[in-house]
């Protein structure tokens, strides 16, 4: 039986971004991979990049805020959440 090489998801997402740097989906996925690996600082930076390229990507604000909370940066997390609420214009958010 041949061994099958399974590259980590983060590597695949980075390759996708090299091919298409404007892919919000790949950048968001990469940010989530950073969260899973515990690299919260890089996750926050990547979620921020998502919000810069697509200000309406509400999940990036939510997960970016959560990552900031885990880093103990409560005021920054609150700001991240508020920015997300402002762009979604959802009165229930």
PDB file of N, CA and C in Angstrom:
ATOM      1  N   UNK A   1       0.845  -1.176   0.000  1.00  0.00           N
ATOM      2  CA  UNK A   1       0.000   0.000   0.000  1.00  0.00           C
ATOM      3  C   UNK A   1       0.893   1.243   0.000  1.00  0.00           C
ATOM      4  N   UNK A   2       0.545   2.190  -0.844  1.00  0.00           N
ATOM      5  CA  UNK A   2       1.298   3.423  -0.950  1.00  0.00           C
ATOM      6  C   UNK A   2       0.871   4.394   0.138  1.00  0.00           C
ATOM      7  N   UNK A   3       1.844   5.099   0.671  1.00  0.00           N
ATOM      8  CA  UNK A   3       1.541   6.128   1.663  1.00  0.00           C
ATOM      9  C   UNK A   3       0.986   7.351   0.928  1.00  0.00           C
ATOM     10  N   UNK A   4      -0.022   7.942   1.491  1.00  0.00           N
ATOM     11  CA  UNK A   4      -0.631   9.131   0.906  1.00  0.00           C
ATOM     12  C   UNK A   4      -0.240  10.327   1.760  1.00  0.00           C
ATOM     13  N   UNK A   5       0.324  11.331   1.108  1.00  0.00           N
ATOM     14  CA  UNK A   5       0.713  12.538   1.832  1.00  0.00           C
ATOM     15  C   UNK A   5      -0.495  13.458   1.944  1.00  0.00           C
ATOM     16  N   UNK A   6      -0.834  13.792   3.152  1.00  0.00           N
ATOM     17  CA  UNK A   6      -1.943  14.694   3.425  1.00  0.00           C
ATOM     18  C   UNK A   6      -1.383  15.985   3.997  1.00  0.00           C
ATOM     19  N   UNK A   7      -1.224  17.017   3.184  1.00  0.00           N
ATOM     20  CA  UNK A   7      -0.690  18.270   3.721  1.00  0.00           C
ATOM     21  C   UNK A   7      -1.680  18.898   4.696  1.00  0.00           C
ATOM     22  N   UNK A   8      -1.172  19.613   5.678  1.00  0.00           N
ATOM     23  CA  UNK A   8      -2.087  20.279   6.621  1.00  0.00           C
ATOM     24  C   UNK A   8      -2.966  21.299   5.882  1.00  0.00           C
ATOM     25  N   UNK A   9      -4.144  21.489   6.420  1.00  0.00           N
ATOM     26  CA  UNK A   9      -5.092  22.419   5.792  1.00  0.00           C
ATOM     27  C   UNK A   9      -4.488  23.812   5.637  1.00  0.00           C
ATOM     28  N   UNK A  10      -3.694  24.243   6.615  1.00  0.00           N
ATOM     29  CA  UNK A  10      -3.108  25.583   6.526  1.00  0.00           C
ATOM     30  C   UNK A  10      -2.195  25.704   5.309  1.00  0.00           C
ATOM     31  N   UNK A  11      -1.476  24.653   4.992  1.00  0.00           N
ATOM     32  CA  UNK A  11      -0.594  24.672   3.818  1.00  0.00           C
ATOM     33  C   UNK A  11      -1.414  24.786   2.534  1.00  0.00           C
ATOM     34  N   UNK A  12      -2.494  24.032   2.469  1.00  0.00           N
ATOM     35  CA  UNK A  12      -3.370  24.074   1.293  1.00  0.00           C
ATOM     36  C   UNK A  12      -3.980  25.470   1.133  1.00  0.00           C
ATOM     37  N   UNK A  13      -4.437  26.043   2.250  1.00  0.00           N
ATOM     38  CA  UNK A  13      -5.041  27.375   2.200  1.00  0.00           C
ATOM     39  C   UNK A  13      -4.019  28.431   1.799  1.00  0.00           C
ATOM     40  N   UNK A  14      -2.789  28.304   2.279  1.00  0.00           N
ATOM     41  CA  UNK A  14      -1.734  29.244   1.888  1.00  0.00           C
ATOM     42  C   UNK A  14      -1.459  29.142   0.389  1.00  0.00           C
ATOM     43  N   UNK A  15      -1.473  27.925  -0.139  1.00  0.00           N
ATOM     44  CA  UNK A  15      -1.270  27.741  -1.572  1.00  0.00           C
ATOM     45  C   UNK A  15      -2.427  28.363  -2.362  1.00  0.00           C
ATOM     46  N   UNK A  16      -3.639  28.186  -1.866  1.00  0.00           N
ATOM     47  CA  UNK A  16      -4.788  28.803  -2.523  1.00  0.00           C
ATOM     48  C   UNK A  16      -4.658  30.324  -2.548  1.00  0.00           C
ATOM     49  N   UNK A  17      -4.172  30.896  -1.442  1.00  0.00           N
ATOM     50  CA  UNK A  17      -3.998  32.347  -1.377  1.00  0.00           C
ATOM     51  C   UNK A  17      -2.891  32.827  -2.305  1.00  0.00           C
ATOM     52  N   UNK A  18      -1.862  32.009  -2.486  1.00  0.00           N
ATOM     53  CA  UNK A  18      -0.809  32.371  -3.434  1.00  0.00           C
ATOM     54  C   UNK A  18      -1.381  32.427  -4.845  1.00  0.00           C
ATOM     55  N   UNK A  19      -2.287  31.514  -5.159  1.00  0.00           N
ATOM     56  CA  UNK A  19      -2.907  31.476  -6.478  1.00  0.00           C
ATOM     57  C   UNK A  19      -3.960  32.566  -6.646  1.00  0.00           C
ATOM     58  N   UNK A  20      -4.659  32.878  -5.547  1.00  0.00           N
ATOM     59  CA  UNK A  20      -5.730  33.870  -5.599  1.00  0.00           C
ATOM     60  C   UNK A  20      -5.720  34.691  -4.312  1.00  0.00           C
ATOM     61  N   UNK A  21      -4.868  35.715  -4.253  1.00  0.00           N
ATOM     62  CA  UNK A  21      -4.725  36.506  -3.014  1.00  0.00           C
ATOM     63  C   UNK A  21      -5.997  37.196  -2.551  1.00  0.00           C
ATOM     64  N   UNK A  22      -6.973  37.333  -3.425  1.00  0.00           N
ATOM     65  CA  UNK A  22      -8.209  38.013  -3.030  1.00  0.00           C
ATOM     66  C   UNK A  22      -9.273  37.045  -2.504  1.00  0.00           C
ATOM     67  N   UNK A  23      -8.931  35.789  -2.319  1.00  0.00           N
ATOM     68  CA  UNK A  23      -9.910  34.795  -1.857  1.00  0.00           C
ATOM     69  C   UNK A  23     -10.212  34.984  -0.371  1.00  0.00           C
ATOM     70  N   UNK A  24     -11.338  35.592  -0.103  1.00  0.00           N
ATOM     71  CA  UNK A  24     -11.766  35.811   1.279  1.00  0.00           C
ATOM     72  C   UNK A  24     -12.004  34.477   1.978  1.00  0.00           C
ATOM     73  N   UNK A  25     -12.590  33.532   1.261  1.00  0.00           N
ATOM     74  CA  UNK A  25     -12.876  32.219   1.832  1.00  0.00           C
ATOM     75  C   UNK A  25     -11.586  31.527   2.294  1.00  0.00           C
ATOM     76  N   UNK A  26     -10.560  31.539   1.472  1.00  0.00           N
ATOM     77  CA  UNK A  26      -9.291  30.898   1.837  1.00  0.00           C
ATOM     78  C   UNK A  26      -8.632  31.632   3.007  1.00  0.00           C
ATOM     79  N   UNK A  27      -8.684  32.953   3.001  1.00  0.00           N
ATOM     80  CA  UNK A  27      -8.068  33.728   4.088  1.00  0.00           C
ATOM     81  C   UNK A  27      -8.799  33.478   5.408  1.00  0.00           C
ATOM     82  N   UNK A  28     -10.126  33.423   5.366  1.00  0.00           N
ATOM     83  CA  UNK A  28     -10.904  33.130   6.569  1.00  0.00           C
ATOM     84  C   UNK A  28     -10.584  31.714   7.068  1.00  0.00           C
ATOM     85  N   UNK A  29     -10.519  30.755   6.156  1.00  0.00           N
ATOM     86  CA  UNK A  29     -10.171  29.382   6.523  1.00  0.00           C
ATOM     87  C   UNK A  29      -8.795  29.301   7.161  1.00  0.00           C
ATOM     88  N   UNK A  30      -7.849  30.066   6.631  1.00  0.00           N
ATOM     89  CA  UNK A  30      -6.506  30.094   7.201  1.00  0.00           C
ATOM     90  C   UNK A  30      -6.537  30.666   8.622  1.00  0.00           C
ATOM     91  N   UNK A  31      -7.319  31.723   8.817  1.00  0.00           N
ATOM     92  CA  UNK A  31      -7.457  32.298  10.157  1.00  0.00           C
ATOM     93  C   UNK A  31      -8.014  31.264  11.136  1.00  0.00           C
ATOM     94  N   UNK A  32      -8.995  30.495  10.690  1.00  0.00           N
ATOM     95  CA  UNK A  32      -9.566  29.452  11.550  1.00  0.00           C
ATOM     96  C   UNK A  32      -8.526  28.364  11.860  1.00  0.00           C
ATOM     97  N   UNK A  33      -7.683  28.055  10.904  1.00  0.00           N
ATOM     98  CA  UNK A  33      -6.614  27.083  11.143  1.00  0.00           C
ATOM     99  C   UNK A  33      -5.621  27.617  12.183  1.00  0.00           C
ATOM    100  N   UNK A  34      -5.336  28.907  12.126  1.00  0.00           N
ATOM    101  CA  UNK A  34      -4.463  29.517  13.141  1.00  0.00           C
ATOM    102  C   UNK A  34      -5.092  29.400  14.524  1.00  0.00           C
ATOM    103  N   UNK A  35      -6.392  29.597  14.610  1.00  0.00           N
ATOM    104  CA  UNK A  35      -7.085  29.444  15.896  1.00  0.00           C
ATOM    105  C   UNK A  35      -6.921  28.014  16.393  1.00  0.00           C
ATOM    106  N   UNK A  36      -7.178  27.051  15.503  1.00  0.00           N
ATOM    107  CA  UNK A  36      -7.073  25.640  15.898  1.00  0.00           C
ATOM    108  C   UNK A  36      -5.673  25.277  16.367  1.00  0.00           C
ATOM    109  N   UNK A  37      -4.663  25.884  15.756  1.00  0.00           N
ATOM    110  CA  UNK A  37      -3.291  25.551  16.127  1.00  0.00           C
ATOM    111  C   UNK A  37      -2.813  26.340  17.349  1.00  0.00           C
ATOM    112  N   UNK A  38      -3.640  27.299  17.814  1.00  0.00           N
ATOM    113  CA  UNK A  38      -3.272  28.083  18.989  1.00  0.00           C
ATOM    114  C   UNK A  38      -2.485  29.343  18.678  1.00  0.00           C
ATOM    115  N   UNK A  39      -2.286  29.641  17.404  1.00  0.00           N
ATOM    116  CA  UNK A  39      -1.560  30.848  17.002  1.00  0.00           C
ATOM    117  C   UNK A  39      -2.556  32.004  16.905  1.00  0.00           C
ATOM    118  N   UNK A  40      -3.009  32.459  18.069  1.00  0.00           N
ATOM    119  CA  UNK A  40      -4.095  33.438  18.120  1.00  0.00           C
ATOM    120  C   UNK A  40      -3.702  34.802  17.576  1.00  0.00           C
ATOM    121  N   UNK A  41      -2.459  35.192  17.773  1.00  0.00           N
ATOM    122  CA  UNK A  41      -2.004  36.480  17.232  1.00  0.00           C
ATOM    123  C   UNK A  41      -2.090  36.506  15.718  1.00  0.00           C
ATOM    124  N   UNK A  42      -1.632  35.430  15.094  1.00  0.00           N
ATOM    125  CA  UNK A  42      -1.702  35.336  13.628  1.00  0.00           C
ATOM    126  C   UNK A  42      -3.152  35.225  13.176  1.00  0.00           C
ATOM    127  N   UNK A  43      -3.972  34.548  13.974  1.00  0.00           N
ATOM    128  CA  UNK A  43      -5.398  34.438  13.652  1.00  0.00           C
ATOM    129  C   UNK A  43      -6.038  35.818  13.627  1.00  0.00           C
ATOM    130  N   UNK A  44      -5.775  36.614  14.647  1.00  0.00           N
ATOM    131  CA  UNK A  44      -6.362  37.960  14.713  1.00  0.00           C
ATOM    132  C   UNK A  44      -5.921  38.790  13.514  1.00  0.00           C
ATOM    133  N   UNK A  45      -4.641  38.740  13.189  1.00  0.00           N
ATOM    134  CA  UNK A  45      -4.131  39.501  12.040  1.00  0.00           C
ATOM    135  C   UNK A  45      -4.815  39.050  10.746  1.00  0.00           C
ATOM    136  N   UNK A  46      -5.057  37.765  10.624  1.00  0.00           N
ATOM    137  CA  UNK A  46      -5.675  37.233   9.413  1.00  0.00           C
ATOM    138  C   UNK A  46      -7.164  37.566   9.374  1.00  0.00           C
ATOM    139  N   UNK A  47      -7.846  37.491  10.523  1.00  0.00           N
ATOM    140  CA  UNK A  47      -9.253  37.924  10.557  1.00  0.00           C
ATOM    141  C   UNK A  47      -9.350  39.406  10.192  1.00  0.00           C
ATOM    142  N   UNK A  48      -8.411  40.196  10.668  1.00  0.00           N
ATOM    143  CA  UNK A  48      -8.390  41.627  10.334  1.00  0.00           C
ATOM    144  C   UNK A  48      -8.222  41.807   8.827  1.00  0.00           C
ATOM    145  N   UNK A  49      -7.358  41.010   8.220  1.00  0.00           N
ATOM    146  CA  UNK A  49      -7.166  41.077   6.765  1.00  0.00           C
ATOM    147  C   UNK A  49      -8.456  40.716   6.032  1.00  0.00           C
ATOM    148  N   UNK A  50      -9.185  39.753   6.566  1.00  0.00           N
ATOM    149  CA  UNK A  50     -10.477  39.381   5.962  1.00  0.00           C
ATOM    150  C   UNK A  50     -11.424  40.572   6.012  1.00  0.00           C
ATOM    151  N   UNK A  51     -11.500  41.239   7.168  1.00  0.00           N
ATOM    152  CA  UNK A  51     -12.436  42.361   7.302  1.00  0.00           C
ATOM    153  C   UNK A  51     -12.022  43.540   6.429  1.00  0.00           C
ATOM    154  N   UNK A  52     -10.733  43.670   6.146  1.00  0.00           N
ATOM    155  CA  UNK A  52     -10.277  44.745   5.262  1.00  0.00           C
ATOM    156  C   UNK A  52     -10.665  44.461   3.813  1.00  0.00           C
ATOM    157  N   UNK A  53     -10.552  43.186   3.411  1.00  0.00           N
ATOM    158  CA  UNK A  53     -10.877  42.851   2.022  1.00  0.00           C
ATOM    159  C   UNK A  53     -12.383  42.675   1.804  1.00  0.00           C
ATOM    160  N   UNK A  54     -13.099  42.278   2.847  1.00  0.00           N
ATOM    161  CA  UNK A  54     -14.549  42.109   2.748  1.00  0.00           C
ATOM    162  C   UNK A  54     -15.186  42.564   4.060  1.00  0.00           C
ATOM    163  N   UNK A  55     -15.470  43.853   4.185  1.00  0.00           N
ATOM    164  CA  UNK A  55     -15.988  44.396   5.438  1.00  0.00           C
ATOM    165  C   UNK A  55     -17.296  43.780   5.913  1.00  0.00           C
ATOM    166  N   UNK A  56     -18.023  43.086   5.046  1.00  0.00           N
ATOM    167  CA  UNK A  56     -19.292  42.484   5.427  1.00  0.00           C
ATOM    168  C   UNK A  56     -19.173  41.029   5.861  1.00  0.00           C
ATOM    169  N   UNK A  57     -17.972  40.506   5.970  1.00  0.00           N
ATOM    170  CA  UNK A  57     -17.760  39.101   6.345  1.00  0.00           C
ATOM    171  C   UNK A  57     -17.898  38.993   7.869  1.00  0.00           C
ATOM    172  N   UNK A  58     -19.148  38.904   8.336  1.00  0.00           N
ATOM    173  CA  UNK A  58     -19.451  39.007   9.766  1.00  0.00           C
ATOM    174  C   UNK A  58     -18.777  37.936  10.620  1.00  0.00           C
ATOM    175  N   UNK A  59     -18.599  36.742  10.096  1.00  0.00           N
ATOM    176  CA  UNK A  59     -17.975  35.673  10.888  1.00  0.00           C
ATOM    177  C   UNK A  59     -16.550  36.028  11.283  1.00  0.00           C
ATOM    178  N   UNK A  60     -15.866  36.801  10.451  1.00  0.00           N
ATOM    179  CA  UNK A  60     -14.492  37.195  10.770  1.00  0.00           C
ATOM    180  C   UNK A  60     -14.459  38.095  12.007  1.00  0.00           C
ATOM    181  N   UNK A  61     -15.452  38.951  12.146  1.00  0.00           N
ATOM    182  CA  UNK A  61     -15.516  39.812  13.330  1.00  0.00           C
ATOM    183  C   UNK A  61     -15.781  38.975  14.580  1.00  0.00           C
ATOM    184  N   UNK A  62     -16.698  38.034  14.459  1.00  0.00           N
ATOM    185  CA  UNK A  62     -17.037  37.191  15.601  1.00  0.00           C
ATOM    186  C   UNK A  62     -15.836  36.367  16.058  1.00  0.00           C
ATOM    187  N   UNK A  63     -15.227  35.655  15.137  1.00  0.00           N
ATOM    188  CA  UNK A  63     -14.109  34.795  15.513  1.00  0.00           C
ATOM    189  C   UNK A  63     -12.852  35.595  15.847  1.00  0.00           C
ATOM    190  N   UNK A  64     -12.678  36.735  15.199  1.00  0.00           N
ATOM    191  CA  UNK A  64     -11.566  37.616  15.561  1.00  0.00           C
ATOM    192  C   UNK A  64     -11.732  38.129  16.985  1.00  0.00           C
ATOM    193  N   UNK A  65     -12.955  38.499  17.342  1.00  0.00           N
ATOM    194  CA  UNK A  65     -13.234  38.941  18.711  1.00  0.00           C
ATOM    195  C   UNK A  65     -12.989  37.836  19.717  1.00  0.00           C
ATOM    196  N   UNK A  66     -13.391  36.627  19.377  1.00  0.00           N
ATOM    197  CA  UNK A  66     -13.146  35.495  20.283  1.00  0.00           C
ATOM    198  C   UNK A  66     -11.650  35.259  20.483  1.00  0.00           C
ATOM    199  N   UNK A  67     -10.888  35.346  19.408  1.00  0.00           N
ATOM    200  CA  UNK A  67      -9.434  35.147  19.519  1.00  0.00           C
ATOM    201  C   UNK A  67      -8.817  36.224  20.411  1.00  0.00           C
ATOM    202  N   UNK A  68      -9.273  37.448  20.246  1.00  0.00           N
ATOM    203  CA  UNK A  68      -8.767  38.536  21.098  1.00  0.00           C
ATOM    204  C   UNK A  68      -9.127  38.298  22.558  1.00  0.00           C
ATOM    205  N   UNK A  69     -10.335  37.804  22.814  1.00  0.00           N
ATOM    206  CA  UNK A  69     -10.719  37.484  24.194  1.00  0.00           C
ATOM    207  C   UNK A  69      -9.776  36.446  24.782  1.00  0.00           C
ATOM    208  N   UNK A  70      -9.476  35.401  24.011  1.00  0.00           N
ATOM    209  CA  UNK A  70      -8.577  34.349  24.491  1.00  0.00           C
ATOM    210  C   UNK A  70      -7.182  34.887  24.782  1.00  0.00           C
ATOM    211  N   UNK A  71      -6.807  35.957  24.077  1.00  0.00           N
ATOM    212  CA  UNK A  71      -5.509  36.595  24.327  1.00  0.00           C
ATOM    213  C   UNK A  71      -5.578  37.563  25.510  1.00  0.00           C
ATOM    214  N   UNK A  72      -6.768  37.720  26.086  1.00  0.00           N
ATOM    215  CA  UNK A  72      -6.942  38.628  27.218  1.00  0.00           C
ATOM    216  C   UNK A  72      -7.087  40.079  26.803  1.00  0.00           C
ATOM    217  N   UNK A  73      -7.308  40.326  25.533  1.00  0.00           N
ATOM    218  CA  UNK A  73      -7.429  41.688  25.015  1.00  0.00           C
ATOM    219  C   UNK A  73      -8.916  42.038  24.888  1.00  0.00           C
ATOM    220  N   UNK A  74      -9.535  42.217  26.029  1.00  0.00           N
ATOM    221  CA  UNK A  74     -10.985  42.385  26.088  1.00  0.00           C
ATOM    222  C   UNK A  74     -11.457  43.665  25.399  1.00  0.00           C
ATOM    223  N   UNK A  75     -10.774  44.772  25.624  1.00  0.00           N
ATOM    224  CA  UNK A  75     -11.186  46.032  24.993  1.00  0.00           C
ATOM    225  C   UNK A  75     -11.073  45.936  23.473  1.00  0.00           C
ATOM    226  N   UNK A  76     -10.001  45.304  22.983  1.00  0.00           N
ATOM    227  CA  UNK A  76      -9.841  45.138  21.542  1.00  0.00           C
ATOM    228  C   UNK A  76     -10.898  44.185  20.987  1.00  0.00           C
ATOM    229  N   UNK A  77     -11.231  43.157  21.748  1.00  0.00           N
ATOM    230  CA  UNK A  77     -12.271  42.214  21.324  1.00  0.00           C
ATOM    231  C   UNK A  77     -13.604  42.943  21.206  1.00  0.00           C
ATOM    232  N   UNK A  78     -13.901  43.761  22.194  1.00  0.00           N
ATOM    233  CA  UNK A  78     -15.158  44.523  22.189  1.00  0.00           C
ATOM    234  C   UNK A  78     -15.229  45.409  20.939  1.00  0.00           C
ATOM    235  N   UNK A  79     -14.113  46.052  20.610  1.00  0.00           N
ATOM    236  CA  UNK A  79     -14.070  46.904  19.425  1.00  0.00           C
ATOM    237  C   UNK A  79     -14.287  46.083  18.156  1.00  0.00           C
ATOM    238  N   UNK A  80     -13.670  44.914  18.093  1.00  0.00           N
ATOM    239  CA  UNK A  80     -13.818  44.031  16.934  1.00  0.00           C
ATOM    240  C   UNK A  80     -15.291  43.648  16.768  1.00  0.00           C
ATOM    241  N   UNK A  81     -15.923  43.241  17.881  1.00  0.00           N
ATOM    242  CA  UNK A  81     -17.348  42.882  17.838  1.00  0.00           C
ATOM    243  C   UNK A  81     -18.205  44.071  17.382  1.00  0.00           C
ATOM    244  N   UNK A  82     -17.932  45.243  17.925  1.00  0.00           N
ATOM    245  CA  UNK A  82     -18.729  46.426  17.592  1.00  0.00           C
ATOM    246  C   UNK A  82     -18.605  46.786  16.123  1.00  0.00           C
ATOM    247  N   UNK A  83     -17.405  46.636  15.588  1.00  0.00           N
ATOM    248  CA  UNK A  83     -17.222  46.890  14.154  1.00  0.00           C
ATOM    249  C   UNK A  83     -18.066  45.915  13.330  1.00  0.00           C
ATOM    250  N   UNK A  84     -18.109  44.669  13.762  1.00  0.00           N
ATOM    251  CA  UNK A  84     -18.907  43.664  13.065  1.00  0.00           C
ATOM    252  C   UNK A  84     -20.389  43.967  13.129  1.00  0.00           C
ATOM    253  N   UNK A  85     -20.857  44.378  14.289  1.00  0.00           N
ATOM    254  CA  UNK A  85     -22.272  44.725  14.456  1.00  0.00           C
ATOM    255  C   UNK A  85     -22.619  45.912  13.563  1.00  0.00           C
ATOM    256  N   UNK A  86     -21.707  46.880  13.498  1.00  0.00           N
ATOM    257  CA  UNK A  86     -21.960  48.075  12.686  1.00  0.00           C
ATOM    258  C   UNK A  86     -22.092  47.738  11.207  1.00  0.00           C
ATOM    259  N   UNK A  87     -21.302  46.825  10.714  1.00  0.00           N
ATOM    260  CA  UNK A  87     -21.372  46.521   9.280  1.00  0.00           C
ATOM    261  C   UNK A  87     -22.530  45.600   8.939  1.00  0.00           C
ATOM    262  N   UNK A  88     -22.966  44.775   9.889  1.00  0.00           N
ATOM    263  CA  UNK A  88     -24.088  43.878   9.581  1.00  0.00           C
ATOM    264  C   UNK A  88     -25.412  44.616   9.642  1.00  0.00           C
ATOM    265  N   UNK A  89     -25.445  45.710  10.394  1.00  0.00           N
ATOM    266  CA  UNK A  89     -26.669  46.504  10.566  1.00  0.00           C
ATOM    267  C   UNK A  89     -27.820  45.657  11.096  1.00  0.00           C
ATOM    268  N   UNK A  90     -27.480  44.659  11.902  1.00  0.00           N
ATOM    269  CA  UNK A  90     -28.495  43.774  12.478  1.00  0.00           C
ATOM    270  C   UNK A  90     -28.798  44.284  13.893  1.00  0.00           C
ATOM    271  N   UNK A  91     -30.013  44.772  14.144  1.00  0.00           N
ATOM    272  CA  UNK A  91     -30.343  45.307  15.466  1.00  0.00           C
ATOM    273  C   UNK A  91     -30.322  44.238  16.557  1.00  0.00           C
ATOM    274  N   UNK A  92     -30.324  42.965  16.184  1.00  0.00           N
ATOM    275  CA  UNK A  92     -30.308  41.891  17.173  1.00  0.00           C
ATOM    276  C   UNK A  92     -28.918  41.363  17.470  1.00  0.00           C
ATOM    277  N   UNK A  93     -27.923  41.872  16.759  1.00  0.00           N
ATOM    278  CA  UNK A  93     -26.544  41.378  16.930  1.00  0.00           C
ATOM    279  C   UNK A  93     -25.948  41.899  18.216  1.00  0.00           C
TER     280      UNK A  93
END
